[in-house]
N, C-alpha and C. Protein backbone atom coordinates (compact mmCIF):
# COMPACT_ATOMS: atom_id res chain seq x y z
N MET A 1 92.13 41.91 142.68
CA MET A 1 91.14 42.83 142.26
C MET A 1 90.31 41.78 141.89
N HIS A 2 89.11 42.22 142.25
CA HIS A 2 87.44 41.02 142.37
C HIS A 2 86.80 42.16 141.12
N ALA A 3 86.42 41.22 140.10
CA ALA A 3 85.83 42.41 139.30
C ALA A 3 84.31 41.42 138.69
N SER A 4 83.49 41.84 138.63
CA SER A 4 81.93 41.32 138.24
C SER A 4 81.66 40.92 136.93
N PRO A 5 81.22 39.99 136.11
CA PRO A 5 80.66 39.97 134.84
C PRO A 5 79.36 41.23 134.87
N THR A 6 79.78 41.86 133.61
CA THR A 6 78.31 42.86 133.15
C THR A 6 76.88 41.90 132.51
N THR A 7 76.13 42.60 132.42
CA THR A 7 74.99 42.06 131.78
C THR A 7 75.01 42.18 129.90
N SER A 8 74.68 41.84 129.49
CA SER A 8 74.74 41.89 127.88
C SER A 8 74.20 43.49 127.31
N GLY A 9 73.42 44.02 128.43
CA GLY A 9 72.25 44.91 127.82
C GLY A 9 72.84 46.11 128.73
N SER A 10 73.77 45.69 129.36
CA SER A 10 74.64 46.62 130.75
C SER A 10 75.16 48.26 129.93
N PRO A 11 74.75 49.40 130.30
CA PRO A 11 75.56 50.85 129.62
C PRO A 11 76.89 50.40 129.30
N ALA A 12 77.75 49.50 130.09
CA ALA A 12 78.64 49.39 130.18
C ALA A 12 79.54 48.39 128.52
N VAL A 13 78.33 47.29 128.51
CA VAL A 13 78.67 46.52 127.54
C VAL A 13 78.07 47.66 126.05
N SER A 14 77.04 48.40 126.49
CA SER A 14 76.87 49.12 124.98
C SER A 14 77.76 50.21 124.89
N SER A 15 78.60 50.53 125.75
CA SER A 15 79.45 51.79 125.03
C SER A 15 80.79 51.00 124.80
N ASP A 16 80.94 50.00 125.78
CA ASP A 16 82.10 48.95 124.82
C ASP A 16 81.83 48.56 123.60
N ARG A 17 81.14 48.25 123.16
CA ARG A 17 80.66 47.91 121.77
C ARG A 17 80.53 48.76 120.66
N ARG A 18 80.43 50.28 121.25
CA ARG A 18 80.65 51.49 120.49
C ARG A 18 81.94 51.93 120.36
N ARG A 19 82.38 51.43 121.39
CA ARG A 19 84.60 51.55 121.05
C ARG A 19 84.77 50.88 120.14
N GLY A 20 84.32 49.76 120.63
CA GLY A 20 84.61 48.63 119.34
C GLY A 20 84.56 49.08 117.90
N LEU A 21 83.37 49.09 117.28
CA LEU A 21 82.72 49.92 116.26
C LEU A 21 83.23 51.09 115.61
N LEU A 22 83.43 52.19 116.84
CA LEU A 22 84.80 53.39 116.28
C LEU A 22 85.92 52.69 115.74
N LEU A 23 86.64 52.04 116.68
CA LEU A 23 87.77 51.48 116.03
C LEU A 23 87.75 50.90 114.51
N VAL A 24 86.72 50.18 114.49
CA VAL A 24 86.93 49.75 112.77
C VAL A 24 86.63 50.48 112.12
N GLY A 25 85.50 51.78 112.43
CA GLY A 25 85.69 52.74 111.40
C GLY A 25 86.86 53.78 111.54
N ALA A 26 87.59 53.72 112.59
CA ALA A 26 89.02 54.73 112.08
C ALA A 26 89.70 53.87 111.32
N MET A 27 90.12 52.31 111.50
CA MET A 27 91.01 51.57 111.06
C MET A 27 90.46 52.03 109.15
N SER A 28 88.70 51.75 109.09
CA SER A 28 88.97 51.90 107.47
C SER A 28 88.96 53.41 107.43
N ALA A 29 89.06 54.46 107.94
CA ALA A 29 88.99 56.02 107.57
C ALA A 29 90.75 56.19 107.17
N VAL A 30 91.52 55.23 108.38
CA VAL A 30 92.85 55.35 108.13
C VAL A 30 93.52 55.11 106.48
N MET A 31 93.19 53.75 106.17
CA MET A 31 92.80 52.96 104.70
C MET A 31 92.66 54.18 103.83
N TRP A 32 91.25 54.94 103.74
CA TRP A 32 90.99 56.10 102.77
C TRP A 32 92.33 56.95 102.68
N ILE A 33 92.46 57.49 104.04
CA ILE A 33 93.39 58.38 104.22
C ILE A 33 94.95 58.40 103.56
N GLU A 34 95.08 57.15 103.69
CA GLU A 34 96.91 56.45 102.77
C GLU A 34 96.52 56.43 101.51
N GLU A 35 95.36 55.83 101.38
CA GLU A 35 95.36 55.70 99.72
C GLU A 35 95.02 57.42 99.50
N ILE A 36 94.38 58.23 99.27
CA ILE A 36 94.56 59.67 99.08
C ILE A 36 96.12 59.95 98.94
N ALA A 37 96.31 59.65 100.59
CA ALA A 37 97.88 60.50 100.32
C ALA A 37 99.10 59.60 99.10
N ASP A 38 98.53 58.20 98.91
CA ASP A 38 99.54 57.52 97.67
C ASP A 38 99.19 57.74 96.80
N GLN A 39 98.02 58.43 96.25
CA GLN A 39 97.55 59.18 94.54
C GLN A 39 98.03 60.51 94.92
N LEU A 40 98.11 60.88 96.31
CA LEU A 40 98.95 62.16 95.76
C LEU A 40 100.46 62.18 95.56
N SER A 41 100.97 60.79 95.91
CA SER A 41 102.19 61.10 96.02
C SER A 41 102.96 59.99 94.54
N GLY A 42 101.88 59.91 93.92
CA GLY A 42 102.06 58.87 92.99
C GLY A 42 102.83 57.72 93.19
N GLN A 43 101.60 57.13 94.04
CA GLN A 43 101.74 55.76 94.76
C GLN A 43 103.17 55.19 95.25
N HIS A 44 103.82 56.16 96.15
CA HIS A 44 105.31 55.79 96.04
C HIS A 44 104.63 55.49 97.52
N LEU A 45 104.07 55.25 98.38
CA LEU A 45 103.50 54.60 99.78
C LEU A 45 103.73 52.94 99.42
N ASP A 46 103.27 52.75 98.81
CA ASP A 46 102.79 51.30 98.36
C ASP A 46 104.38 50.45 98.30
N GLN A 47 105.08 51.24 98.33
CA GLN A 47 106.66 50.27 98.71
C GLN A 47 106.70 49.82 99.96
N TYR A 48 105.92 50.31 101.31
CA TYR A 48 106.04 49.93 102.42
C TYR A 48 105.04 48.67 102.51
N GLY A 49 104.82 48.13 101.50
CA GLY A 49 104.34 46.87 102.07
C GLY A 49 105.24 45.66 102.41
N ILE A 50 104.46 44.49 102.81
CA ILE A 50 105.29 43.29 102.93
C ILE A 50 106.15 42.87 101.88
N ARG A 51 107.66 42.99 102.14
CA ARG A 51 108.73 42.71 101.30
C ARG A 51 109.35 41.46 101.69
N PRO A 52 108.96 39.98 101.21
CA PRO A 52 109.31 38.99 102.00
C PRO A 52 110.98 38.73 102.15
N ARG A 53 111.04 38.44 103.40
CA ARG A 53 112.54 38.25 104.03
C ARG A 53 113.59 39.44 103.77
N GLY A 54 112.55 40.52 103.65
CA GLY A 54 113.82 41.75 103.63
C GLY A 54 113.77 42.70 105.02
N THR A 55 114.88 42.53 105.71
CA THR A 55 114.20 43.62 107.26
C THR A 55 113.27 44.69 107.12
N ASP A 56 113.77 45.49 105.65
CA ASP A 56 113.16 47.00 105.61
C ASP A 56 111.75 46.37 105.49
N GLY A 57 111.28 44.97 105.06
CA GLY A 57 109.91 44.81 104.56
C GLY A 57 108.87 44.45 105.43
N LEU A 58 109.75 44.29 107.07
CA LEU A 58 108.96 43.84 108.08
C LEU A 58 108.07 45.03 108.82
N ILE A 59 107.89 46.18 107.83
CA ILE A 59 107.27 47.12 108.59
C ILE A 59 105.91 47.22 107.85
N GLY A 60 106.00 46.29 106.46
CA GLY A 60 104.98 46.38 105.93
C GLY A 60 103.81 45.42 106.88
N ILE A 61 104.20 44.56 107.85
CA ILE A 61 103.10 43.44 108.61
C ILE A 61 102.20 44.77 109.25
N VAL A 62 102.62 45.95 109.70
CA VAL A 62 101.74 46.84 110.23
C VAL A 62 101.11 47.72 109.26
N ASP A 63 101.55 48.40 108.37
CA ASP A 63 101.40 49.60 107.36
C ASP A 63 100.46 48.59 106.12
N ALA A 64 101.11 47.72 105.64
CA ALA A 64 100.29 46.76 104.27
C ALA A 64 99.16 46.77 104.71
N PRO A 65 98.45 46.64 105.90
CA PRO A 65 96.89 46.49 105.57
C PRO A 65 95.96 48.18 105.31
N PHE A 66 96.51 48.88 105.73
CA PHE A 66 96.20 50.15 105.13
C PHE A 66 96.83 50.96 103.40
N LEU A 67 97.76 49.96 102.78
CA LEU A 67 97.83 50.46 101.80
C LEU A 67 97.06 49.32 100.69
N HIS A 68 96.70 50.20 99.24
CA HIS A 68 96.16 49.56 98.45
C HIS A 68 96.56 50.15 97.05
N GLY A 69 96.43 49.03 96.33
CA GLY A 69 96.29 49.48 94.83
C GLY A 69 95.90 50.34 94.15
N GLY A 70 95.11 50.94 94.44
CA GLY A 70 93.86 51.88 93.45
C GLY A 70 92.64 51.59 94.58
N PHE A 71 92.20 52.90 93.96
CA PHE A 71 90.45 52.94 94.56
C PHE A 71 89.79 51.76 94.40
N GLY A 72 90.05 51.00 93.51
CA GLY A 72 88.96 49.59 93.40
C GLY A 72 89.42 49.01 94.22
N HIS A 73 90.92 48.53 94.76
CA HIS A 73 91.33 47.83 95.42
C HIS A 73 90.56 47.80 96.68
N LEU A 74 91.12 49.23 97.43
CA LEU A 74 90.18 49.76 98.19
C LEU A 74 88.65 49.96 98.82
N ILE A 75 87.94 50.23 97.59
CA ILE A 75 86.33 49.71 97.48
C ILE A 75 86.18 48.15 98.00
N ALA A 76 86.74 47.31 97.39
CA ALA A 76 86.73 46.06 97.24
C ALA A 76 86.57 45.54 98.70
N ASN A 77 87.88 46.22 99.45
CA ASN A 77 88.23 45.73 100.73
C ASN A 77 87.24 46.01 101.69
N THR A 78 87.04 47.84 101.84
CA THR A 78 86.65 48.39 102.70
C THR A 78 85.41 47.71 102.82
N VAL A 79 84.30 47.53 102.29
CA VAL A 79 82.84 46.94 102.13
C VAL A 79 82.95 45.89 103.45
N PRO A 80 83.32 44.41 102.99
CA PRO A 80 83.87 43.64 103.87
C PRO A 80 84.11 43.70 105.08
N PHE A 81 85.17 44.55 105.09
CA PHE A 81 86.28 44.87 106.38
C PHE A 81 84.92 45.63 107.34
N LEU A 82 84.62 46.18 107.09
CA LEU A 82 83.40 47.19 108.07
C LEU A 82 82.43 46.25 108.65
N VAL A 83 82.08 45.44 107.45
CA VAL A 83 80.56 44.25 107.89
C VAL A 83 81.04 43.38 108.76
N LEU A 84 82.36 42.88 108.42
CA LEU A 84 82.77 41.73 109.10
C LEU A 84 83.46 42.21 110.46
N GLY A 85 84.04 43.47 110.21
CA GLY A 85 84.54 43.88 111.90
C GLY A 85 83.74 44.52 112.45
N ALA A 86 82.50 44.92 112.30
CA ALA A 86 81.43 45.66 112.90
C ALA A 86 80.76 44.21 113.64
N ILE A 87 80.65 42.86 113.21
CA ILE A 87 79.92 42.03 113.59
C ILE A 87 81.07 41.25 114.92
N ILE A 88 82.31 41.78 114.82
CA ILE A 88 83.14 41.03 116.08
C ILE A 88 83.37 42.04 116.69
N ALA A 89 83.52 43.68 116.33
CA ALA A 89 82.90 44.58 117.52
C ALA A 89 81.88 44.34 118.30
N LEU A 90 81.00 43.80 117.85
CA LEU A 90 79.50 43.76 118.85
C LEU A 90 80.37 42.80 120.73
N SER A 91 81.28 42.65 120.21
CA SER A 91 81.77 41.67 120.99
C SER A 91 82.58 42.40 122.41
N GLY A 92 83.15 44.04 121.80
CA GLY A 92 83.64 44.78 122.36
C GLY A 92 84.91 45.21 121.33
N LEU A 93 85.61 46.28 122.35
CA LEU A 93 86.82 46.75 121.77
C LEU A 93 87.81 45.55 122.08
N ALA A 94 87.94 45.30 123.20
CA ALA A 94 89.30 44.51 123.18
C ALA A 94 89.32 43.30 122.42
N ARG A 95 88.22 42.61 122.24
CA ARG A 95 87.99 41.21 121.29
C ARG A 95 88.18 42.24 120.01
N VAL A 96 87.37 42.81 119.42
CA VAL A 96 88.02 43.51 117.29
C VAL A 96 89.53 43.62 117.56
N ALA A 97 89.80 44.53 118.64
CA ALA A 97 91.17 45.00 118.94
C ALA A 97 92.08 43.69 118.95
N LEU A 98 91.78 42.56 119.48
CA LEU A 98 92.89 41.47 119.62
C LEU A 98 92.94 40.63 118.32
N VAL A 99 91.60 40.62 117.70
CA VAL A 99 91.10 39.95 116.56
C VAL A 99 92.49 40.26 115.55
N THR A 100 92.40 41.44 115.57
CA THR A 100 93.14 42.39 114.41
C THR A 100 94.71 41.96 114.50
N VAL A 101 94.63 42.23 115.53
CA VAL A 101 96.73 41.97 115.87
C VAL A 101 96.98 41.14 115.39
N ILE A 102 96.14 39.51 116.14
CA ILE A 102 96.73 38.05 115.66
C ILE A 102 97.03 37.77 114.49
N VAL A 103 95.71 38.82 113.73
CA VAL A 103 95.30 38.11 112.43
C VAL A 103 96.44 39.19 111.19
N ALA A 104 96.49 40.32 111.34
CA ALA A 104 97.55 41.11 111.14
C ALA A 104 99.32 40.05 111.14
N GLY A 105 99.43 39.85 112.65
CA GLY A 105 100.82 39.35 113.20
C GLY A 105 100.89 38.16 112.42
N VAL A 106 100.12 37.04 112.57
CA VAL A 106 100.33 35.83 111.80
C VAL A 106 99.98 35.76 110.07
N GLY A 107 98.85 36.79 109.48
CA GLY A 107 98.98 36.89 108.10
C GLY A 107 100.54 37.40 108.14
N GLY A 108 100.54 38.55 108.71
CA GLY A 108 101.96 39.13 107.69
C GLY A 108 103.51 38.17 107.82
N LEU A 109 103.13 37.58 108.94
CA LEU A 109 104.82 37.12 109.43
C LEU A 109 104.63 35.80 108.39
N GLY A 110 103.04 35.39 108.19
CA GLY A 110 103.39 34.08 107.33
C GLY A 110 103.50 34.23 105.84
N VAL A 111 103.15 35.89 105.24
CA VAL A 111 103.95 36.13 103.95
C VAL A 111 104.71 36.72 103.75
N TRP A 112 105.43 37.21 104.81
CA TRP A 112 107.15 37.83 105.08
C TRP A 112 108.09 36.47 104.90
N LEU A 113 107.58 35.46 105.43
CA LEU A 113 108.55 34.16 105.42
C LEU A 113 108.01 33.33 104.29
N LEU A 114 107.35 33.51 103.75
CA LEU A 114 106.85 31.94 102.74
C LEU A 114 106.46 32.67 101.23
N ALA A 115 106.03 34.09 101.08
CA ALA A 115 105.76 34.32 99.68
C ALA A 115 107.27 34.51 99.02
N ALA A 116 107.11 35.01 97.60
CA ALA A 116 108.25 34.69 96.98
C ALA A 116 108.63 36.07 96.96
N SER A 117 110.10 36.02 96.73
CA SER A 117 111.35 37.61 97.23
C SER A 117 110.69 38.09 95.77
N GLY A 118 111.22 39.84 96.18
CA GLY A 118 110.74 40.45 94.74
C GLY A 118 109.48 41.00 94.96
N THR A 119 108.92 40.37 95.73
CA THR A 119 107.03 40.55 95.51
C THR A 119 107.08 41.88 96.66
N ASP A 120 105.51 42.47 96.40
CA ASP A 120 105.26 43.51 97.49
C ASP A 120 103.81 43.47 97.81
N HIS A 121 103.85 42.86 98.98
CA HIS A 121 102.04 42.57 99.41
C HIS A 121 101.42 43.98 100.12
N ILE A 122 100.68 43.94 99.20
CA ILE A 122 99.71 45.76 100.18
C ILE A 122 97.97 45.20 100.25
N GLY A 123 97.28 45.39 100.98
CA GLY A 123 95.94 45.68 101.12
C GLY A 123 95.27 44.72 102.29
N ALA A 124 93.73 44.97 102.68
CA ALA A 124 93.20 44.96 103.75
C ALA A 124 92.78 43.52 103.48
N SER A 125 93.03 42.65 102.61
CA SER A 125 92.55 41.56 102.27
C SER A 125 92.81 40.70 103.48
N GLY A 126 93.63 40.13 103.65
CA GLY A 126 93.95 39.21 104.72
C GLY A 126 93.77 39.46 106.00
N ILE A 127 93.37 40.44 106.56
CA ILE A 127 92.70 41.05 107.50
C ILE A 127 90.87 40.79 107.17
N VAL A 128 90.31 40.79 106.07
CA VAL A 128 88.89 40.51 105.96
C VAL A 128 88.96 39.15 106.19
N PHE A 129 89.89 38.13 105.47
CA PHE A 129 89.76 36.73 105.69
C PHE A 129 90.23 36.49 106.67
N GLY A 130 90.66 36.88 107.81
CA GLY A 130 90.93 36.59 108.91
C GLY A 130 89.95 36.83 109.60
N TYR A 131 88.87 37.82 109.61
CA TYR A 131 88.10 38.32 109.87
C TYR A 131 86.74 37.04 109.59
N ALA A 132 86.64 36.83 108.42
CA ALA A 132 85.84 35.92 108.20
C ALA A 132 86.40 34.55 108.86
N THR A 133 86.97 34.36 109.22
CA THR A 133 87.62 32.83 109.33
C THR A 133 87.67 32.66 110.95
N TYR A 134 87.51 33.61 111.72
CA TYR A 134 87.36 33.65 112.91
C TYR A 134 85.97 33.92 113.07
N LEU A 135 84.93 34.03 112.61
CA LEU A 135 83.60 34.19 112.59
C LEU A 135 83.13 32.92 112.40
N ILE A 136 83.70 32.52 111.40
CA ILE A 136 83.22 30.57 110.93
C ILE A 136 83.45 29.50 111.98
N THR A 137 84.73 30.12 112.63
CA THR A 137 85.50 28.81 113.34
C THR A 137 84.99 29.03 114.93
N ARG A 138 84.80 30.53 115.36
CA ARG A 138 84.56 30.63 116.68
C ARG A 138 83.55 29.84 117.55
N GLY A 139 83.07 29.87 117.04
CA GLY A 139 81.23 28.56 117.02
C GLY A 139 81.61 27.53 117.66
N LEU A 140 82.83 26.82 116.41
CA LEU A 140 83.48 25.68 117.09
C LEU A 140 84.11 24.93 118.22
N PHE A 141 84.74 26.73 118.85
CA PHE A 141 85.21 26.70 119.86
C PHE A 141 84.76 26.82 121.28
N SER A 142 83.81 27.84 121.01
CA SER A 142 82.66 28.26 122.21
C SER A 142 81.40 27.17 122.27
N HIS A 143 80.95 26.97 120.94
CA HIS A 143 79.63 26.23 121.43
C HIS A 143 78.60 26.65 121.50
N ASP A 144 78.63 27.99 121.21
CA ASP A 144 77.61 28.75 121.22
C ASP A 144 76.79 28.81 120.57
N LEU A 145 75.57 28.86 120.14
CA LEU A 145 74.08 28.84 119.13
C LEU A 145 74.35 29.71 118.51
N LEU A 146 74.70 31.32 119.40
CA LEU A 146 74.65 32.26 118.54
C LEU A 146 76.00 32.32 117.47
N HIS A 147 76.92 32.03 117.87
CA HIS A 147 78.21 32.65 117.39
C HIS A 147 77.99 31.52 115.83
N LEU A 148 77.78 29.96 116.34
CA LEU A 148 77.39 29.18 115.01
C LEU A 148 76.65 29.52 113.87
N ALA A 149 75.50 30.08 114.41
CA ALA A 149 74.45 30.78 113.50
C ALA A 149 75.36 31.76 112.78
N ALA A 150 75.93 32.73 113.23
CA ALA A 150 76.33 33.65 112.58
C ALA A 150 77.56 33.51 111.97
N GLY A 151 78.64 32.45 112.06
CA GLY A 151 79.50 31.87 111.39
C GLY A 151 78.93 30.85 110.23
N ALA A 152 77.87 29.98 110.06
CA ALA A 152 76.82 29.74 109.05
C ALA A 152 76.77 31.18 107.98
N ILE A 153 76.24 31.43 107.95
CA ILE A 153 76.14 33.00 107.20
C ILE A 153 77.22 33.11 106.79
N VAL A 154 78.37 33.86 107.53
CA VAL A 154 79.24 34.17 107.05
C VAL A 154 80.02 32.93 105.82
N ALA A 155 79.63 31.93 106.15
CA ALA A 155 80.35 30.65 105.61
C ALA A 155 79.66 30.85 103.90
N VAL A 156 78.16 30.96 104.21
CA VAL A 156 77.74 30.71 103.37
C VAL A 156 77.83 32.00 102.07
N VAL A 157 77.73 33.08 102.90
CA VAL A 157 78.10 34.65 101.67
C VAL A 157 79.40 34.28 100.99
N TYR A 158 80.61 34.01 102.46
CA TYR A 158 81.95 34.09 101.84
C TYR A 158 82.82 32.92 101.61
N GLY A 159 82.16 31.97 101.92
CA GLY A 159 82.72 30.37 101.40
C GLY A 159 83.51 30.24 100.32
N SER A 160 82.78 30.38 98.84
CA SER A 160 83.75 30.37 97.53
C SER A 160 84.56 31.35 97.52
N THR A 161 84.31 32.46 98.21
CA THR A 161 85.07 33.38 97.75
C THR A 161 86.64 33.10 98.97
N LEU A 162 86.57 32.57 99.97
CA LEU A 162 87.55 32.13 100.55
C LEU A 162 88.11 31.26 100.15
N LEU A 163 87.50 30.26 99.21
CA LEU A 163 88.12 29.05 98.87
C LEU A 163 88.85 29.36 97.38
N PHE A 164 88.53 30.16 96.91
CA PHE A 164 88.87 30.48 95.42
C PHE A 164 90.19 31.74 95.73
N SER A 165 90.14 32.50 96.68
CA SER A 165 91.34 33.13 97.15
C SER A 165 92.59 32.39 97.16
N VAL A 166 92.33 31.55 97.65
CA VAL A 166 93.41 30.95 98.36
C VAL A 166 94.28 30.14 97.17
N VAL A 167 93.61 29.90 95.96
CA VAL A 167 94.22 29.46 94.71
C VAL A 167 95.29 30.44 94.44
N PRO A 168 96.72 30.20 94.15
CA PRO A 168 97.54 30.96 93.11
C PRO A 168 97.28 31.60 91.88
N HIS A 169 97.06 32.99 92.11
CA HIS A 169 96.76 34.18 90.71
C HIS A 169 97.98 35.09 90.62
N ASP A 170 98.09 35.08 89.46
CA ASP A 170 99.29 36.14 89.30
C ASP A 170 98.34 37.92 89.93
N GLY A 171 99.61 38.52 90.31
CA GLY A 171 99.27 39.35 90.77
C GLY A 171 98.29 39.60 92.01
N VAL A 172 97.96 38.10 92.84
CA VAL A 172 97.20 38.00 93.96
C VAL A 172 97.86 37.51 94.99
N SER A 173 97.84 38.55 96.09
CA SER A 173 98.40 37.73 97.15
C SER A 173 97.45 36.50 98.04
N TRP A 174 97.54 35.50 97.05
CA TRP A 174 96.87 34.44 97.85
C TRP A 174 97.58 33.96 99.65
N GLN A 175 99.00 34.26 98.77
CA GLN A 175 99.52 33.87 100.71
C GLN A 175 99.00 34.99 101.73
N GLY A 176 98.63 36.40 101.56
CA GLY A 176 98.01 37.01 102.19
C GLY A 176 96.46 36.27 102.80
N HIS A 177 95.82 35.97 102.10
CA HIS A 177 94.14 35.34 102.11
C HIS A 177 94.65 34.34 103.05
N LEU A 178 95.52 33.25 102.88
CA LEU A 178 95.68 32.06 103.06
C LEU A 178 96.49 32.31 104.60
N PHE A 179 97.44 33.10 104.88
CA PHE A 179 97.93 33.11 105.93
C PHE A 179 96.85 34.25 107.12
N GLY A 180 96.14 35.04 106.40
CA GLY A 180 95.35 36.18 107.22
C GLY A 180 94.19 35.25 107.70
N GLY A 181 93.80 33.60 107.05
CA GLY A 181 92.87 33.00 107.13
C GLY A 181 93.07 32.07 108.35
N ILE A 182 94.38 32.12 108.69
CA ILE A 182 94.59 31.00 109.30
C ILE A 182 95.12 31.65 111.24
N GLY A 183 95.47 33.35 110.57
CA GLY A 183 95.76 33.91 111.78
C GLY A 183 93.70 34.04 112.59
N GLY A 184 92.96 33.56 111.56
CA GLY A 184 91.54 34.11 112.25
C GLY A 184 91.07 33.14 112.74
N VAL A 185 91.43 31.58 112.52
CA VAL A 185 91.40 30.29 113.57
C VAL A 185 92.24 30.41 114.49
N ILE A 186 93.57 30.80 114.42
CA ILE A 186 93.96 30.92 115.33
C ILE A 186 93.38 31.99 116.51
N ALA A 187 93.57 32.83 116.16
CA ALA A 187 92.36 33.67 116.71
C ALA A 187 90.93 33.25 117.93
N ALA A 188 90.38 32.37 117.26
CA ALA A 188 89.37 32.47 117.67
C ALA A 188 89.52 31.48 118.66
N ARG A 189 90.88 30.54 118.45
CA ARG A 189 90.97 29.47 119.48
C ARG A 189 91.50 30.35 121.12
N LEU A 190 92.57 30.86 120.30
CA LEU A 190 93.12 31.76 121.81
C LEU A 190 92.39 32.48 122.40
N LEU A 191 91.34 33.04 121.66
CA LEU A 191 90.48 34.22 122.28
C LEU A 191 89.11 33.14 123.45
N ASP A 192 88.89 32.06 122.46
CA ASP A 192 88.10 31.24 123.17
C ASP A 192 88.35 30.80 124.95
N VAL A 193 89.76 30.61 124.11
CA VAL A 193 90.75 30.20 125.97
C VAL A 193 90.46 31.19 126.93
N ARG A 194 91.10 32.29 126.59
CA ARG A 194 90.73 33.32 127.45
C ARG A 194 89.53 33.92 127.81
N THR A 195 88.51 33.08 127.22
CA THR A 195 87.03 33.57 127.75
C THR A 195 86.70 32.87 128.96
N GLN A 196 86.97 31.29 128.25
CA GLN A 196 86.64 30.34 129.56
C GLN A 196 87.74 30.74 130.74
N ARG A 197 89.10 31.22 130.53
CA ARG A 197 89.68 31.60 131.70
C ARG A 197 89.12 32.77 132.68
N ARG A 198 88.46 33.71 131.84
CA ARG A 198 87.80 34.78 132.51
C ARG A 198 86.27 34.59 133.10
N ARG A 199 85.77 33.44 132.42
CA ARG A 199 84.42 32.53 133.30
C ARG A 199 85.05 31.74 134.45
N LEU A 200 85.92 31.56 134.68
CA LEU A 200 86.44 30.50 135.74
C LEU A 200 86.83 31.43 136.93
N ASP A 201 87.91 33.02 136.07
CA ASP A 201 87.74 34.11 137.07
C ASP A 201 87.62 35.22 136.65
N PRO A 202 86.68 36.28 136.96
CA PRO A 202 86.21 37.55 136.42
C PRO A 202 87.34 38.01 136.76
N ALA A 203 88.40 38.08 137.70
CA ALA A 203 89.15 39.33 137.92
C ALA A 203 90.15 39.03 136.98
N ILE A 204 90.23 38.13 136.03
CA ILE A 204 91.45 38.30 134.71
C ILE A 204 90.80 39.53 133.57
N ALA A 205 91.50 40.09 133.25
CA ALA A 205 91.17 41.13 132.39
C ALA A 205 91.02 40.38 131.19
């Protein structure tokens, strides 16, 4: 089946962007709902984070980004999550969903495999760092001037935070930051390849 590309100002593209923004908003809402439930339960939900090399800790790869160590931790992650996620969502629902899945998968597995035993890793900061590195590096692969400009702005705003947060600190999941960031670079590369293939063959979904 052949599909023709749509223009950036078409109703279909605008609708796709809205769905992408709604997904980012919905994920943020789930974080708040889980934290409220966690506080009401006496913080019993935090045990479902990523626990390295324990089979029961694998569920944390999915659940950990929605769990936080209090409202201060949640607020610190919510703002950059919404800002960076919204920028990615301007490329559509599929793009922000795929970036999130790749970042969460790479970041979560990296933590599960290599972080210290007996630790519990929670929080959306790995996703935030993945979003940031995706935005910083996607222009290097796409050679798109708008992408390069957006990446430069993100690098200026978040660059020092990115570098500081991969330095080991007690009580901070620097592994989550590091592997989340790596996941963002991988997502930028993989999705650029996918985009190039779609340009060659618009029938590719």
